[in-house]
Amino acid sequence: LVARVYESKAEFRSALQHEKEGYTIYKNQLGEHHEKTKESSEYLKYLTQQAVALQRTMNEIYKNGSNANILPLKFTAPSMASVLEQLNIINGILFIPLSQKDLENLKAEVQRRQQLQES
């Protein structure tokens, strides 16, 4: 999330630094094949491409001045799901996905405990 904030400000060096830290944490804690690690790796590639595009644009401006062809930079807004997920992690809220069978078992256990308390 911090990397995305820096990206939105076109501060790609800082964005890359923060995303590299995130990638290292994901890789060490979750492994190389985890969805989050792969997602972070892809985002690192994207940030690198954007940084290169910005540097090329700056070089073009320095070389040709006001006659330079300046292509607009592409910024990706984080999805609401991604933002909420990060905020939940920061605040210590974890969501554990449950299958339909798990939900049914949980409901049965709650009902069983309620019946025991009523007895």
C-alpha atoms as a PDB file:
ATOM      1  CA  LEU A   1       0.000   0.000   0.000  1.00  0.00           C
ATOM      2  CA  VAL A   2       2.874   2.358   0.795  1.00  0.00           C
ATOM      3  CA  ALA A   3       4.463   1.523  -2.559  1.00  0.00           C
ATOM      4  CA  ARG A   4       1.212   2.414  -4.326  1.00  0.00           C
ATOM      5  CA  VAL A   5       1.114   5.781  -2.580  1.00  0.00           C
ATOM      6  CA  TYR A   6       4.636   6.548  -3.776  1.00  0.00           C
ATOM      7  CA  GLU A   7       3.724   5.336  -7.267  1.00  0.00           C
ATOM      8  CA  SER A   8       0.775   7.735  -7.372  1.00  0.00           C
ATOM      9  CA  LYS A   9       3.246  10.559  -6.638  1.00  0.00           C
ATOM     10  CA  ALA A  10       5.590   9.285  -9.417  1.00  0.00           C
ATOM     11  CA  GLU A  11       8.227   8.568  -6.762  1.00  0.00           C
ATOM     12  CA  PHE A  12       9.205   5.250  -8.273  1.00  0.00           C
ATOM     13  CA  ARG A  13      12.481   4.862  -6.393  1.00  0.00           C
ATOM     14  CA  SER A  14      10.650   4.973  -3.044  1.00  0.00           C
ATOM     15  CA  ALA A  15       7.845   2.803  -4.402  1.00  0.00           C
ATOM     16  CA  LEU A  16      10.357   0.192  -5.532  1.00  0.00           C
ATOM     17  CA  GLN A  17      12.148   0.271  -2.179  1.00  0.00           C
ATOM     18  CA  HIS A  18       8.940  -0.320  -0.221  1.00  0.00           C
ATOM     19  CA  GLU A  19       7.643  -3.008  -2.556  1.00  0.00           C
ATOM     20  CA  LYS A  20      10.998  -4.819  -2.426  1.00  0.00           C
ATOM     21  CA  GLU A  21      10.681  -4.887   1.358  1.00  0.00           C
ATOM     22  CA  GLY A  22       7.157  -6.262   1.048  1.00  0.00           C
ATOM     23  CA  TYR A  23       8.272  -8.864  -1.468  1.00  0.00           C
ATOM     24  CA  THR A  24      11.082 -10.010   0.827  1.00  0.00           C
ATOM     25  CA  ILE A  25       8.653 -10.386   3.723  1.00  0.00           C
ATOM     26  CA  TYR A  26       6.142 -12.308   1.606  1.00  0.00           C
ATOM     27  CA  LYS A  27       8.860 -14.558   0.194  1.00  0.00           C
ATOM     28  CA  ASN A  28      10.368 -15.317   3.617  1.00  0.00           C
ATOM     29  CA  GLN A  29       7.059 -15.783   5.438  1.00  0.00           C
ATOM     30  CA  LEU A  30       4.819 -17.318   2.778  1.00  0.00           C
ATOM     31  CA  GLY A  31       7.197 -18.799   0.227  1.00  0.00           C
ATOM     32  CA  GLU A  32       7.972 -18.054  -3.384  1.00  0.00           C
ATOM     33  CA  HIS A  33       4.833 -19.687  -4.790  1.00  0.00           C
ATOM     34  CA  HIS A  34       2.259 -17.926  -2.581  1.00  0.00           C
ATOM     35  CA  GLU A  35      -0.266 -15.659  -4.291  1.00  0.00           C
ATOM     36  CA  LYS A  36       0.900 -12.564  -2.366  1.00  0.00           C
ATOM     37  CA  THR A  37       4.556 -13.186  -3.252  1.00  0.00           C
ATOM     38  CA  LYS A  38       3.696 -13.564  -6.943  1.00  0.00           C
ATOM     39  CA  GLU A  39       1.495 -10.465  -6.839  1.00  0.00           C
ATOM     40  CA  SER A  40       4.318  -8.463  -5.273  1.00  0.00           C
ATOM     41  CA  SER A  41       6.790  -9.744  -7.859  1.00  0.00           C
ATOM     42  CA  GLU A  42       4.492  -8.657 -10.686  1.00  0.00           C
ATOM     43  CA  TYR A  43       4.051  -5.243  -9.108  1.00  0.00           C
ATOM     44  CA  LEU A  44       7.847  -4.879  -8.833  1.00  0.00           C
ATOM     45  CA  LYS A  45       8.127  -5.551 -12.577  1.00  0.00           C
ATOM     46  CA  TYR A  46       5.415  -2.994 -13.275  1.00  0.00           C
ATOM     47  CA  LEU A  47       7.083  -0.347 -11.100  1.00  0.00           C
ATOM     48  CA  THR A  48      10.409  -0.967 -12.821  1.00  0.00           C
ATOM     49  CA  GLN A  49       8.772  -0.493 -16.224  1.00  0.00           C
ATOM     50  CA  GLN A  50       7.174   2.751 -15.071  1.00  0.00           C
ATOM     51  CA  ALA A  51      10.453   4.036 -13.656  1.00  0.00           C
ATOM     52  CA  VAL A  52      12.199   3.280 -16.952  1.00  0.00           C
ATOM     53  CA  ALA A  53       9.434   5.029 -18.914  1.00  0.00           C
ATOM     54  CA  LEU A  54       9.718   8.097 -16.678  1.00  0.00           C
ATOM     55  CA  GLN A  55      13.502   8.193 -17.069  1.00  0.00           C
ATOM     56  CA  ARG A  56      13.182   7.924 -20.861  1.00  0.00           C
ATOM     57  CA  THR A  57      10.708  10.797 -20.836  1.00  0.00           C
ATOM     58  CA  MET A  58      13.023  12.897 -18.698  1.00  0.00           C
ATOM     59  CA  ASN A  59      15.948  12.121 -21.024  1.00  0.00           C
ATOM     60  CA  GLU A  60      13.814  13.152 -23.999  1.00  0.00           C
ATOM     61  CA  ILE A  61      12.932  16.440 -22.301  1.00  0.00           C
ATOM     62  CA  TYR A  62      16.587  17.165 -21.474  1.00  0.00           C
ATOM     63  CA  LYS A  63      17.601  16.312 -25.031  1.00  0.00           C
ATOM     64  CA  ASN A  64      14.846  18.053 -27.014  1.00  0.00           C
ATOM     65  CA  GLY A  65      13.478  20.627 -24.582  1.00  0.00           C
ATOM     66  CA  SER A  66       9.938  21.761 -25.268  1.00  0.00           C
ATOM     67  CA  ASN A  67       9.845  19.781 -28.538  1.00  0.00           C
ATOM     68  CA  ALA A  68       9.930  16.462 -26.656  1.00  0.00           C
ATOM     69  CA  ASN A  69       7.194  13.894 -27.143  1.00  0.00           C
ATOM     70  CA  ILE A  70       5.909  13.242 -23.653  1.00  0.00           C
ATOM     71  CA  LEU A  71       3.801  10.140 -23.180  1.00  0.00           C
ATOM     72  CA  PRO A  72       1.493  10.115 -20.166  1.00  0.00           C
ATOM     73  CA  LEU A  73       2.474   7.836 -17.312  1.00  0.00           C
ATOM     74  CA  LYS A  74       0.068   5.086 -16.322  1.00  0.00           C
ATOM     75  CA  PHE A  75      -0.894   4.853 -12.681  1.00  0.00           C
ATOM     76  CA  THR A  76      -2.821   1.979 -11.207  1.00  0.00           C
ATOM     77  CA  ALA A  77      -5.216   2.732  -8.411  1.00  0.00           C
ATOM     78  CA  PRO A  78      -5.297  -0.018  -5.816  1.00  0.00           C
ATOM     79  CA  SER A  79      -8.560  -1.913  -5.710  1.00  0.00           C
ATOM     80  CA  MET A  80     -10.854  -1.327  -2.773  1.00  0.00           C
ATOM     81  CA  ALA A  81     -10.426  -4.991  -1.832  1.00  0.00           C
ATOM     82  CA  SER A  82      -6.651  -4.546  -1.758  1.00  0.00           C
ATOM     83  CA  VAL A  83      -6.876  -1.422   0.401  1.00  0.00           C
ATOM     84  CA  LEU A  84      -9.301  -3.062   2.824  1.00  0.00           C
ATOM     85  CA  GLU A  85      -7.140  -6.167   3.022  1.00  0.00           C
ATOM     86  CA  GLN A  86      -4.071  -4.089   3.881  1.00  0.00           C
ATOM     87  CA  LEU A  87      -5.959  -2.056   6.470  1.00  0.00           C
ATOM     88  CA  ASN A  88      -7.282  -5.245   8.055  1.00  0.00           C
ATOM     89  CA  ILE A  89      -3.771  -6.664   8.256  1.00  0.00           C
ATOM     90  CA  ILE A  90      -2.458  -3.440   9.791  1.00  0.00           C
ATOM     91  CA  ASN A  91      -5.238  -3.546  12.378  1.00  0.00           C
ATOM     92  CA  GLY A  92      -4.784  -7.242  13.128  1.00  0.00           C
ATOM     93  CA  ILE A  93      -8.014  -8.412  11.523  1.00  0.00           C
ATOM     94  CA  LEU A  94      -7.731 -11.736   9.746  1.00  0.00           C
ATOM     95  CA  PHE A  95     -10.417 -13.313   7.601  1.00  0.00           C
ATOM     96  CA  ILE A  96     -10.403 -17.076   7.456  1.00  0.00           C
ATOM     97  CA  PRO A  97     -12.272 -18.464   4.464  1.00  0.00           C
ATOM     98  CA  LEU A  98     -14.688 -21.235   5.403  1.00  0.00           C
ATOM     99  CA  SER A  99     -16.277 -23.781   3.143  1.00  0.00           C
ATOM    100  CA  GLN A 100     -20.003 -24.418   3.236  1.00  0.00           C
ATOM    101  CA  LYS A 101     -19.336 -27.620   5.177  1.00  0.00           C
ATOM    102  CA  ASP A 102     -17.213 -25.702   7.713  1.00  0.00           C
ATOM    103  CA  LEU A 103     -20.060 -23.205   8.177  1.00  0.00           C
ATOM    104  CA  GLU A 104     -22.586 -25.973   8.718  1.00  0.00           C
ATOM    105  CA  ASN A 105     -20.304 -27.645  11.275  1.00  0.00           C
ATOM    106  CA  LEU A 106     -19.813 -24.326  13.053  1.00  0.00           C
ATOM    107  CA  LYS A 107     -23.565 -23.693  13.198  1.00  0.00           C
ATOM    108  CA  ALA A 108     -24.166 -27.196  14.546  1.00  0.00           C
ATOM    109  CA  GLU A 109     -21.490 -26.679  17.215  1.00  0.00           C
ATOM    110  CA  VAL A 110     -23.004 -23.335  18.273  1.00  0.00           C
ATOM    111  CA  GLN A 111     -26.459 -24.905  18.513  1.00  0.00           C
ATOM    112  CA  ARG A 112     -25.067 -27.836  20.510  1.00  0.00           C
ATOM    113  CA  ARG A 113     -23.396 -25.463  22.979  1.00  0.00           C
ATOM    114  CA  GLN A 114     -26.553 -23.393  23.321  1.00  0.00           C
ATOM    115  CA  GLN A 115     -28.546 -26.520  24.100  1.00  0.00           C
ATOM    116  CA  LEU A 116     -25.974 -27.536  26.719  1.00  0.00           C
ATOM    117  CA  GLN A 117     -26.195 -24.127  28.377  1.00  0.00           C
ATOM    118  CA  GLU A 118     -29.983 -24.269  28.447  1.00  0.00           C
ATOM    119  CA  SER A 119     -29.909 -27.705  30.089  1.00  0.00           C
END
